[in-house]
Amino acid sequence: MCRFLAYRGDPIYLEDLVCRPQHSLVRQSLRAEQSVLVTNGDGFGLGWYGDRETPGLYRQVTPAWSDENLKALAAHVRSHLFFAHVRAATGGGVSLANCHPFAAASFLFMHNGQIGGFGEVHRELEAQLTDPLWHQRRGGTDSELIFLLIVQHLINGFGPLEATSAVLEDVWGRMRAAGVEAPLRFSAALADGDEVFAFRWASDAQPPTLYHRVEAYGQIVASEPLEGDAEGWDILAPNTALCLHADGRSTAHRLRIGS
C-alpha cells in the first residue's frame, strides 16, 4: 500500500512537509508504520500548483529516500497546494507512467488502495472513456483509470464529490457483477487547483488510513501522522470525504456508495 500527503494553505516550501518532519513522507518511503508494506520504494511523485492553471509534476521510479533531485526541488518550490506520494506497487509494474500523482487539465489525483480483481473489469472500465481521455492513459494501474473516469464525470458537469462517488459506485457494481470477492479500497486525494478533496472508503469497511491536521498556516491530509504519533491528527472516519476549502475551512461529507 502506498503513502501520500496533500496540503492546502499559505504557500510553503514542499520540503517543510515532504522532507523535514520526523516521520516525513521520505521517511515513510523507507519505513512506513501504518501500512501492510513497510517499504514504499517503487517510485514517488510530487504535484504542485503555481502561477499557471495546470499543475507541475515531478515523478521518478527510484525510491524517494535516494533521490537528491527531490530534496533540491522540495527546498526551492513553494506552493499553496501540493501533493506528494510514495509507491508500493501492487499492480501495473514499476514504471514512470505508473507513478502518482496523475494530472489531467487542472486536476491532480493520487490513490492508495486497489480495485480487487482488476483484471476482470479493467477492459469494460476502459471502454467507458471517451477517445481524448483514453489517449491520455499512459500506464497500467487501476489508480490512473479511476482518475480518468472521475475526470470524465467532472467534464460532464459533476462536482468532485459526486463524480468520485459515481465512479466508485460503478466500479464496485461491475466487480460484483463479475463475481469478484476481493475488496475495492479507496484512500485518495483530488485537487482542482483551488480545493482538495480527500476520500476514505472501502467495500469491506477496511479503508487505508487517512489523517487530517490543521495548522496556523494551512491544512494537511496524510496517510500517516508526520510527527510519528497521532497527537493533533484526526483520523478520517470510514466512508467519509473531506474538503479542504480555499478559505481555510474544512467540511466532511458522508459517502453513500452502495446504499
C-alpha atoms as a PDB file:
ATOM      1  CA  MET A   1       0.000   0.000   0.000  1.00  0.00           C
ATOM      2  CA  CYS A   2       1.242   3.498  -0.833  1.00  0.00           C
ATOM      3  CA  ARG A   3       1.683   6.565   1.388  1.00  0.00           C
ATOM      4  CA  PHE A   4       0.780  10.147   0.479  1.00  0.00           C
ATOM      5  CA  LEU A   5       0.113  13.663   1.717  1.00  0.00           C
ATOM      6  CA  ALA A   6      -1.847  16.658   0.447  1.00  0.00           C
ATOM      7  CA  TYR A   7      -1.505  20.279   1.576  1.00  0.00           C
ATOM      8  CA  ARG A   8      -3.723  23.383   1.160  1.00  0.00           C
ATOM      9  CA  GLY A   9      -2.970  26.744   2.772  1.00  0.00           C
ATOM     10  CA  ASP A  10      -0.436  29.545   2.714  1.00  0.00           C
ATOM     11  CA  PRO A  11       2.463  28.982   0.301  1.00  0.00           C
ATOM     12  CA  ILE A  12       5.184  26.911   1.976  1.00  0.00           C
ATOM     13  CA  TYR A  13       8.238  25.051   0.722  1.00  0.00           C
ATOM     14  CA  LEU A  14       7.488  21.454  -0.180  1.00  0.00           C
ATOM     15  CA  GLU A  15      10.381  20.282   1.983  1.00  0.00           C
ATOM     16  CA  ASP A  16       8.557  21.520   5.107  1.00  0.00           C
ATOM     17  CA  LEU A  17       6.221  18.515   4.861  1.00  0.00           C
ATOM     18  CA  VAL A  18       7.839  16.139   2.394  1.00  0.00           C
ATOM     19  CA  CYS A  19      11.366  16.012   3.866  1.00  0.00           C
ATOM     20  CA  ARG A  20      11.757  17.749   7.239  1.00  0.00           C
ATOM     21  CA  PRO A  21       9.268  16.180   9.707  1.00  0.00           C
ATOM     22  CA  GLN A  22      10.405  13.337  11.946  1.00  0.00           C
ATOM     23  CA  HIS A  23       8.142  10.904  10.095  1.00  0.00           C
ATOM     24  CA  SER A  24       8.188  12.687   6.738  1.00  0.00           C
ATOM     25  CA  LEU A  25       6.965  11.111   3.533  1.00  0.00           C
ATOM     26  CA  VAL A  26      10.583  10.456   2.542  1.00  0.00           C
ATOM     27  CA  ARG A  27      10.993   8.596   5.832  1.00  0.00           C
ATOM     28  CA  GLN A  28       7.758   6.687   5.180  1.00  0.00           C
ATOM     29  CA  SER A  29       9.109   5.568   1.811  1.00  0.00           C
ATOM     30  CA  LEU A  30      11.779   3.659   3.749  1.00  0.00           C
ATOM     31  CA  ARG A  31       9.764   2.683   6.815  1.00  0.00           C
ATOM     32  CA  ALA A  32       6.006   3.204   6.988  1.00  0.00           C
ATOM     33  CA  GLU A  33       4.349   2.425  10.311  1.00  0.00           C
ATOM     34  CA  GLN A  34       0.661   2.024   9.382  1.00  0.00           C
ATOM     35  CA  SER A  35       0.957   0.083   6.153  1.00  0.00           C
ATOM     36  CA  VAL A  36       0.958  -3.614   5.290  1.00  0.00           C
ATOM     37  CA  LEU A  37       4.074  -2.953   3.193  1.00  0.00           C
ATOM     38  CA  VAL A  38       6.755  -1.223   5.263  1.00  0.00           C
ATOM     39  CA  THR A  39       8.858  -0.073   2.313  1.00  0.00           C
ATOM     40  CA  ASN A  40       7.387   2.173  -0.392  1.00  0.00           C
ATOM     41  CA  GLY A  41      10.285   2.231  -2.828  1.00  0.00           C
ATOM     42  CA  ASP A  42       8.631   1.684  -6.226  1.00  0.00           C
ATOM     43  CA  GLY A  43       8.737   5.331  -7.261  1.00  0.00           C
ATOM     44  CA  PHE A  44       7.454   8.645  -5.982  1.00  0.00           C
ATOM     45  CA  GLY A  45       5.966  11.874  -7.223  1.00  0.00           C
ATOM     46  CA  LEU A  46       5.217  15.493  -6.459  1.00  0.00           C
ATOM     47  CA  GLY A  47       2.429  17.628  -7.899  1.00  0.00           C
ATOM     48  CA  TRP A  48       2.002  21.330  -7.148  1.00  0.00           C
ATOM     49  CA  TYR A  49       0.168  24.449  -8.286  1.00  0.00           C
ATOM     50  CA  GLY A  50       1.901  27.744  -9.015  1.00  0.00           C
ATOM     51  CA  ASP A  51       1.076  30.672 -11.268  1.00  0.00           C
ATOM     52  CA  ARG A  52      -0.308  28.518 -14.092  1.00  0.00           C
ATOM     53  CA  GLU A  53      -3.684  26.814 -14.219  1.00  0.00           C
ATOM     54  CA  THR A  54      -2.194  23.369 -14.744  1.00  0.00           C
ATOM     55  CA  PRO A  55      -0.075  21.709 -12.036  1.00  0.00           C
ATOM     56  CA  GLY A  56       3.629  20.953 -12.145  1.00  0.00           C
ATOM     57  CA  LEU A  57       4.769  17.326 -11.845  1.00  0.00           C
ATOM     58  CA  TYR A  58       7.992  15.612 -10.810  1.00  0.00           C
ATOM     59  CA  ARG A  59       7.943  11.799 -10.767  1.00  0.00           C
ATOM     60  CA  GLN A  60      10.626   9.133 -10.649  1.00  0.00           C
ATOM     61  CA  VAL A  61      10.811   5.346 -10.435  1.00  0.00           C
ATOM     62  CA  THR A  62      13.674   5.497  -7.945  1.00  0.00           C
ATOM     63  CA  PRO A  63      12.966   5.389  -4.196  1.00  0.00           C
ATOM     64  CA  ALA A  64      12.263   8.772  -2.634  1.00  0.00           C
ATOM     65  CA  TRP A  65      14.952   8.294   0.017  1.00  0.00           C
ATOM     66  CA  SER A  66      17.722   8.071  -2.584  1.00  0.00           C
ATOM     67  CA  ASP A  67      16.792  10.943  -4.916  1.00  0.00           C
ATOM     68  CA  GLU A  68      18.898  14.071  -4.371  1.00  0.00           C
ATOM     69  CA  ASN A  69      16.889  15.956  -7.003  1.00  0.00           C
ATOM     70  CA  LEU A  70      13.767  15.513  -4.858  1.00  0.00           C
ATOM     71  CA  LYS A  71      15.474  17.202  -1.913  1.00  0.00           C
ATOM     72  CA  ALA A  72      16.760  20.070  -4.064  1.00  0.00           C
ATOM     73  CA  LEU A  73      13.403  20.619  -5.749  1.00  0.00           C
ATOM     74  CA  ALA A  74      11.446  20.482  -2.486  1.00  0.00           C
ATOM     75  CA  ALA A  75      13.805  23.025  -0.942  1.00  0.00           C
ATOM     76  CA  HIS A  76      13.133  25.614  -3.670  1.00  0.00           C
ATOM     77  CA  VAL A  77       9.497  25.124  -4.730  1.00  0.00           C
ATOM     78  CA  ARG A  78       6.785  26.907  -2.723  1.00  0.00           C
ATOM     79  CA  SER A  79       3.095  26.246  -3.242  1.00  0.00           C
ATOM     80  CA  HIS A  80      -0.289  26.828  -1.639  1.00  0.00           C
ATOM     81  CA  LEU A  81      -1.479  23.388  -2.791  1.00  0.00           C
ATOM     82  CA  PHE A  82       0.655  20.330  -3.386  1.00  0.00           C
ATOM     83  CA  PHE A  83       0.583  16.523  -3.375  1.00  0.00           C
ATOM     84  CA  ALA A  84       3.339  14.009  -2.611  1.00  0.00           C
ATOM     85  CA  HIS A  85       3.168  10.224  -2.994  1.00  0.00           C
ATOM     86  CA  VAL A  86       5.486   7.248  -2.435  1.00  0.00           C
ATOM     87  CA  ARG A  87       4.529   3.998  -4.141  1.00  0.00           C
ATOM     88  CA  ALA A  88       4.494   0.343  -3.218  1.00  0.00           C
ATOM     89  CA  ALA A  89       3.449  -1.328  -6.455  1.00  0.00           C
ATOM     90  CA  THR A  90       0.556  -3.778  -6.178  1.00  0.00           C
ATOM     91  CA  GLY A  91      -0.192  -3.864  -9.913  1.00  0.00           C
ATOM     92  CA  GLY A  92       0.784  -2.294 -13.202  1.00  0.00           C
ATOM     93  CA  GLY A  93       4.528  -2.716 -12.750  1.00  0.00           C
ATOM     94  CA  VAL A  94       7.230  -0.259 -11.779  1.00  0.00           C
ATOM     95  CA  SER A  95       7.389   2.480 -14.406  1.00  0.00           C
ATOM     96  CA  LEU A  96       7.304   6.264 -14.590  1.00  0.00           C
ATOM     97  CA  ALA A  97       3.819   6.189 -16.133  1.00  0.00           C
ATOM     98  CA  ASN A  98       2.505   4.349 -13.078  1.00  0.00           C
ATOM     99  CA  CYS A  99       3.856   6.811 -10.514  1.00  0.00           C
ATOM    100  CA  HIS A 100       1.463   9.152  -8.733  1.00  0.00           C
ATOM    101  CA  PRO A 101       0.229  11.890  -8.721  1.00  0.00           C
ATOM    102  CA  PHE A 102      -1.613  11.833 -12.028  1.00  0.00           C
ATOM    103  CA  ALA A 103      -2.595  15.067 -13.787  1.00  0.00           C
ATOM    104  CA  ALA A 104      -5.182  15.968 -16.419  1.00  0.00           C
ATOM    105  CA  ALA A 105      -6.093  19.558 -17.301  1.00  0.00           C
ATOM    106  CA  SER A 106      -6.188  21.416 -13.964  1.00  0.00           C
ATOM    107  CA  PHE A 107      -6.739  18.287 -11.863  1.00  0.00           C
ATOM    108  CA  LEU A 108      -4.343  16.294  -9.669  1.00  0.00           C
ATOM    109  CA  PHE A 109      -5.041  12.855  -8.205  1.00  0.00           C
ATOM    110  CA  MET A 110      -3.305  10.223  -6.087  1.00  0.00           C
ATOM    111  CA  HIS A 111      -4.543   6.967  -4.601  1.00  0.00           C
ATOM    112  CA  ASN A 112      -3.759   4.317  -2.037  1.00  0.00           C
ATOM    113  CA  GLY A 113      -5.818   1.158  -2.406  1.00  0.00           C
ATOM    114  CA  GLN A 114      -6.984  -1.282  -5.061  1.00  0.00           C
ATOM    115  CA  ILE A 115      -9.658  -2.422  -7.435  1.00  0.00           C
ATOM    116  CA  GLY A 116      -9.903  -6.053  -6.403  1.00  0.00           C
ATOM    117  CA  GLY A 117      -9.893  -8.403  -9.383  1.00  0.00           C
ATOM    118  CA  PHE A 118      -8.844  -5.532 -11.640  1.00  0.00           C
ATOM    119  CA  GLY A 119      -8.094  -7.916 -14.494  1.00  0.00           C
ATOM    120  CA  GLU A 120     -11.752  -8.977 -14.526  1.00  0.00           C
ATOM    121  CA  VAL A 121     -13.160  -5.486 -15.017  1.00  0.00           C
ATOM    122  CA  HIS A 122     -10.478  -3.208 -16.449  1.00  0.00           C
ATOM    123  CA  ARG A 123     -11.423  -3.756 -20.094  1.00  0.00           C
ATOM    124  CA  GLU A 124     -15.053  -2.673 -19.648  1.00  0.00           C
ATOM    125  CA  LEU A 125     -13.990   0.231 -17.422  1.00  0.00           C
ATOM    126  CA  GLU A 126     -11.526   1.498 -20.031  1.00  0.00           C
ATOM    127  CA  ALA A 127     -14.235   1.207 -22.676  1.00  0.00           C
ATOM    128  CA  GLN A 128     -16.196   3.923 -20.864  1.00  0.00           C
ATOM    129  CA  LEU A 129     -13.513   6.536 -21.523  1.00  0.00           C
ATOM    130  CA  THR A 130     -14.005   8.978 -24.366  1.00  0.00           C
ATOM    131  CA  ASP A 131     -11.267   8.927 -27.003  1.00  0.00           C
ATOM    132  CA  PRO A 132      -9.429  12.037 -25.691  1.00  0.00           C
ATOM    133  CA  LEU A 133      -9.202  10.604 -22.180  1.00  0.00           C
ATOM    134  CA  TRP A 134      -8.414   7.088 -23.412  1.00  0.00           C
ATOM    135  CA  HIS A 135      -5.435   8.524 -25.292  1.00  0.00           C
ATOM    136  CA  GLN A 136      -4.248  10.224 -22.095  1.00  0.00           C
ATOM    137  CA  ARG A 137      -3.851   6.863 -20.355  1.00  0.00           C
ATOM    138  CA  ARG A 138      -0.130   6.169 -20.134  1.00  0.00           C
ATOM    139  CA  GLY A 139       0.227   3.424 -17.517  1.00  0.00           C
ATOM    140  CA  GLY A 140      -1.492   0.228 -16.480  1.00  0.00           C
ATOM    141  CA  THR A 141      -2.705   0.966 -12.963  1.00  0.00           C
ATOM    142  CA  ASP A 142      -6.214   0.874 -11.598  1.00  0.00           C
ATOM    143  CA  SER A 143      -5.473   4.238  -9.927  1.00  0.00           C
ATOM    144  CA  GLU A 144      -4.886   6.085 -13.196  1.00  0.00           C
ATOM    145  CA  LEU A 145      -8.012   4.565 -14.719  1.00  0.00           C
ATOM    146  CA  ILE A 146     -10.158   5.629 -11.745  1.00  0.00           C
ATOM    147  CA  PHE A 147      -8.765   9.153 -12.083  1.00  0.00           C
ATOM    148  CA  LEU A 148      -9.579   9.413 -15.783  1.00  0.00           C
ATOM    149  CA  LEU A 149     -13.100   8.138 -15.152  1.00  0.00           C
ATOM    150  CA  ILE A 150     -13.524  10.807 -12.463  1.00  0.00           C
ATOM    151  CA  VAL A 151     -12.208  13.483 -14.837  1.00  0.00           C
ATOM    152  CA  GLN A 152     -14.725  12.353 -17.450  1.00  0.00           C
ATOM    153  CA  HIS A 153     -17.540  12.933 -14.958  1.00  0.00           C
ATOM    154  CA  LEU A 154     -16.083  16.326 -13.999  1.00  0.00           C
ATOM    155  CA  ILE A 155     -16.020  17.352 -17.663  1.00  0.00           C
ATOM    156  CA  ASN A 156     -19.664  16.294 -17.888  1.00  0.00           C
ATOM    157  CA  GLY A 157     -20.634  18.705 -15.115  1.00  0.00           C
ATOM    158  CA  PHE A 158     -20.408  16.616 -11.956  1.00  0.00           C
ATOM    159  CA  GLY A 159     -18.890  18.110  -8.816  1.00  0.00           C
ATOM    160  CA  PRO A 160     -15.776  16.384  -7.354  1.00  0.00           C
ATOM    161  CA  LEU A 161     -17.702  14.537  -4.631  1.00  0.00           C
ATOM    162  CA  GLU A 162     -20.457  13.444  -6.998  1.00  0.00           C
ATOM    163  CA  ALA A 163     -18.012  12.417  -9.726  1.00  0.00           C
ATOM    164  CA  THR A 164     -15.908  10.300  -7.379  1.00  0.00           C
ATOM    165  CA  SER A 165     -18.928   8.676  -5.743  1.00  0.00           C
ATOM    166  CA  ALA A 166     -20.435   7.836  -9.141  1.00  0.00           C
ATOM    167  CA  VAL A 167     -17.203   6.195 -10.324  1.00  0.00           C
ATOM    168  CA  LEU A 168     -16.808   4.145  -7.139  1.00  0.00           C
ATOM    169  CA  GLU A 169     -20.442   3.047  -7.338  1.00  0.00           C
ATOM    170  CA  ASP A 170     -19.977   1.938 -10.945  1.00  0.00           C
ATOM    171  CA  VAL A 171     -16.650   0.164 -10.344  1.00  0.00           C
ATOM    172  CA  TRP A 172     -17.964  -1.700  -7.326  1.00  0.00           C
ATOM    173  CA  GLY A 173     -21.098  -2.693  -9.216  1.00  0.00           C
ATOM    174  CA  ARG A 174     -19.034  -4.114 -12.066  1.00  0.00           C
ATOM    175  CA  MET A 175     -16.813  -6.003  -9.621  1.00  0.00           C
ATOM    176  CA  ARG A 176     -19.844  -7.646  -8.029  1.00  0.00           C
ATOM    177  CA  ALA A 177     -21.324  -8.486 -11.441  1.00  0.00           C
ATOM    178  CA  ALA A 178     -18.044 -10.176 -12.383  1.00  0.00           C
ATOM    179  CA  GLY A 179     -18.055 -12.227  -9.183  1.00  0.00           C
ATOM    180  CA  VAL A 180     -15.008 -10.502  -7.719  1.00  0.00           C
ATOM    181  CA  GLU A 181     -14.733 -11.144  -3.993  1.00  0.00           C
ATOM    182  CA  ALA A 182     -11.628  -9.011  -3.349  1.00  0.00           C
ATOM    183  CA  PRO A 183     -12.440  -5.521  -1.997  1.00  0.00           C
ATOM    184  CA  LEU A 184     -12.451  -2.104  -3.594  1.00  0.00           C
ATOM    185  CA  ARG A 185     -10.353   0.137  -1.340  1.00  0.00           C
ATOM    186  CA  PHE A 186     -10.045   3.852  -1.911  1.00  0.00           C
ATOM    187  CA  SER A 187      -7.978   6.289   0.098  1.00  0.00           C
ATOM    188  CA  ALA A 188      -7.339   9.172  -2.293  1.00  0.00           C
ATOM    189  CA  ALA A 189      -6.956  12.892  -2.871  1.00  0.00           C
ATOM    190  CA  LEU A 190      -8.232  15.004  -5.760  1.00  0.00           C
ATOM    191  CA  ALA A 191      -7.446  18.697  -6.376  1.00  0.00           C
ATOM    192  CA  ASP A 192      -8.714  21.260  -8.866  1.00  0.00           C
ATOM    193  CA  GLY A 193      -6.175  23.999  -8.122  1.00  0.00           C
ATOM    194  CA  ASP A 194      -8.365  25.689  -5.502  1.00  0.00           C
ATOM    195  CA  GLU A 195      -9.574  22.929  -3.194  1.00  0.00           C
ATOM    196  CA  VAL A 196      -8.520  19.452  -2.081  1.00  0.00           C
ATOM    197  CA  PHE A 197     -10.965  16.568  -1.760  1.00  0.00           C
ATOM    198  CA  ALA A 198      -9.810  13.600   0.332  1.00  0.00           C
ATOM    199  CA  PHE A 199     -11.630  10.257   0.405  1.00  0.00           C
ATOM    200  CA  ARG A 200     -11.568   7.240   2.706  1.00  0.00           C
ATOM    201  CA  TRP A 201     -13.839   4.376   1.649  1.00  0.00           C
ATOM    202  CA  ALA A 202     -13.735   0.615   1.151  1.00  0.00           C
ATOM    203  CA  SER A 203     -16.273  -2.030   0.197  1.00  0.00           C
ATOM    204  CA  ASP A 204     -15.059  -4.251   3.076  1.00  0.00           C
ATOM    205  CA  ALA A 205     -15.061  -1.478   5.723  1.00  0.00           C
ATOM    206  CA  GLN A 206     -11.248  -1.616   5.893  1.00  0.00           C
ATOM    207  CA  PRO A 207     -10.084   1.516   4.041  1.00  0.00           C
ATOM    208  CA  PRO A 208      -6.414   2.532   4.212  1.00  0.00           C
ATOM    209  CA  THR A 209      -5.628   5.089   6.904  1.00  0.00           C
ATOM    210  CA  LEU A 210      -6.002   8.815   6.268  1.00  0.00           C
ATOM    211  CA  TYR A 211      -5.438  11.645   8.767  1.00  0.00           C
ATOM    212  CA  HIS A 212      -6.214  15.373   8.872  1.00  0.00           C
ATOM    213  CA  ARG A 213      -4.322  18.123  10.694  1.00  0.00           C
ATOM    214  CA  VAL A 214      -4.964  21.857  10.940  1.00  0.00           C
ATOM    215  CA  GLU A 215      -2.040  24.263  11.345  1.00  0.00           C
ATOM    216  CA  ALA A 216      -1.978  28.058  11.566  1.00  0.00           C
ATOM    217  CA  TYR A 217      -0.622  28.185   8.010  1.00  0.00           C
ATOM    218  CA  GLY A 218      -2.815  25.529   6.398  1.00  0.00           C
ATOM    219  CA  GLN A 219      -4.271  22.013   6.406  1.00  0.00           C
ATOM    220  CA  ILE A 220      -2.701  18.621   5.762  1.00  0.00           C
ATOM    221  CA  VAL A 221      -4.136  15.251   4.826  1.00  0.00           C
ATOM    222  CA  ALA A 222      -1.737  12.313   5.122  1.00  0.00           C
ATOM    223  CA  SER A 223      -1.690   8.527   5.220  1.00  0.00           C
ATOM    224  CA  GLU A 224       0.275   8.678   8.471  1.00  0.00           C
ATOM    225  CA  PRO A 225       0.984  11.459  11.007  1.00  0.00           C
ATOM    226  CA  LEU A 226       4.195  13.248  10.034  1.00  0.00           C
ATOM    227  CA  GLU A 227       5.466  13.560  13.616  1.00  0.00           C
ATOM    228  CA  GLY A 228       5.447   9.831  14.325  1.00  0.00           C
ATOM    229  CA  ASP A 229       2.481   9.985  16.724  1.00  0.00           C
ATOM    230  CA  ALA A 230      -1.180  10.826  16.280  1.00  0.00           C
ATOM    231  CA  GLU A 231      -1.384  13.801  18.668  1.00  0.00           C
ATOM    232  CA  GLY A 232      -3.043  16.683  16.816  1.00  0.00           C
ATOM    233  CA  TRP A 233      -4.034  14.434  13.924  1.00  0.00           C
ATOM    234  CA  ASP A 234      -7.653  13.352  13.392  1.00  0.00           C
ATOM    235  CA  ILE A 235      -8.266  10.144  11.504  1.00  0.00           C
ATOM    236  CA  LEU A 236     -10.988  10.357   8.882  1.00  0.00           C
ATOM    237  CA  ALA A 237     -13.899   8.085   9.608  1.00  0.00           C
ATOM    238  CA  PRO A 238     -14.515   5.325   7.065  1.00  0.00           C
ATOM    239  CA  ASN A 239     -16.922   6.250   4.251  1.00  0.00           C
ATOM    240  CA  THR A 240     -16.014   9.927   4.533  1.00  0.00           C
ATOM    241  CA  ALA A 241     -14.884  12.656   2.156  1.00  0.00           C
ATOM    242  CA  LEU A 242     -13.151  15.780   3.472  1.00  0.00           C
ATOM    243  CA  CYS A 243     -12.913  19.035   1.529  1.00  0.00           C
ATOM    244  CA  LEU A 244     -10.076  21.469   2.296  1.00  0.00           C
ATOM    245  CA  HIS A 245     -11.505  24.791   1.136  1.00  0.00           C
ATOM    246  CA  ALA A 246      -9.538  27.745  -0.196  1.00  0.00           C
ATOM    247  CA  ASP A 247     -10.745  29.952   2.681  1.00  0.00           C
ATOM    248  CA  GLY A 248      -9.213  27.646   5.314  1.00  0.00           C
ATOM    249  CA  ARG A 249     -12.376  25.788   6.267  1.00  0.00           C
ATOM    250  CA  SER A 250     -12.810  22.039   6.042  1.00  0.00           C
ATOM    251  CA  THR A 251     -16.083  20.191   5.596  1.00  0.00           C
ATOM    252  CA  ALA A 252     -16.780  16.477   5.978  1.00  0.00           C
ATOM    253  CA  HIS A 253     -19.257  14.602   3.796  1.00  0.00           C
ATOM    254  CA  ARG A 254     -20.673  11.099   4.159  1.00  0.00           C
ATOM    255  CA  LEU A 255     -20.031   8.816   1.173  1.00  0.00           C
ATOM    256  CA  ARG A 256     -23.154   6.806   0.439  1.00  0.00           C
ATOM    257  CA  ILE A 257     -21.917   4.233  -2.038  1.00  0.00           C
ATOM    258  CA  GLY A 258     -23.886   1.049  -2.485  1.00  0.00           C
ATOM    259  CA  SER A 259     -26.592   2.193  -0.083  1.00  0.00           C
END
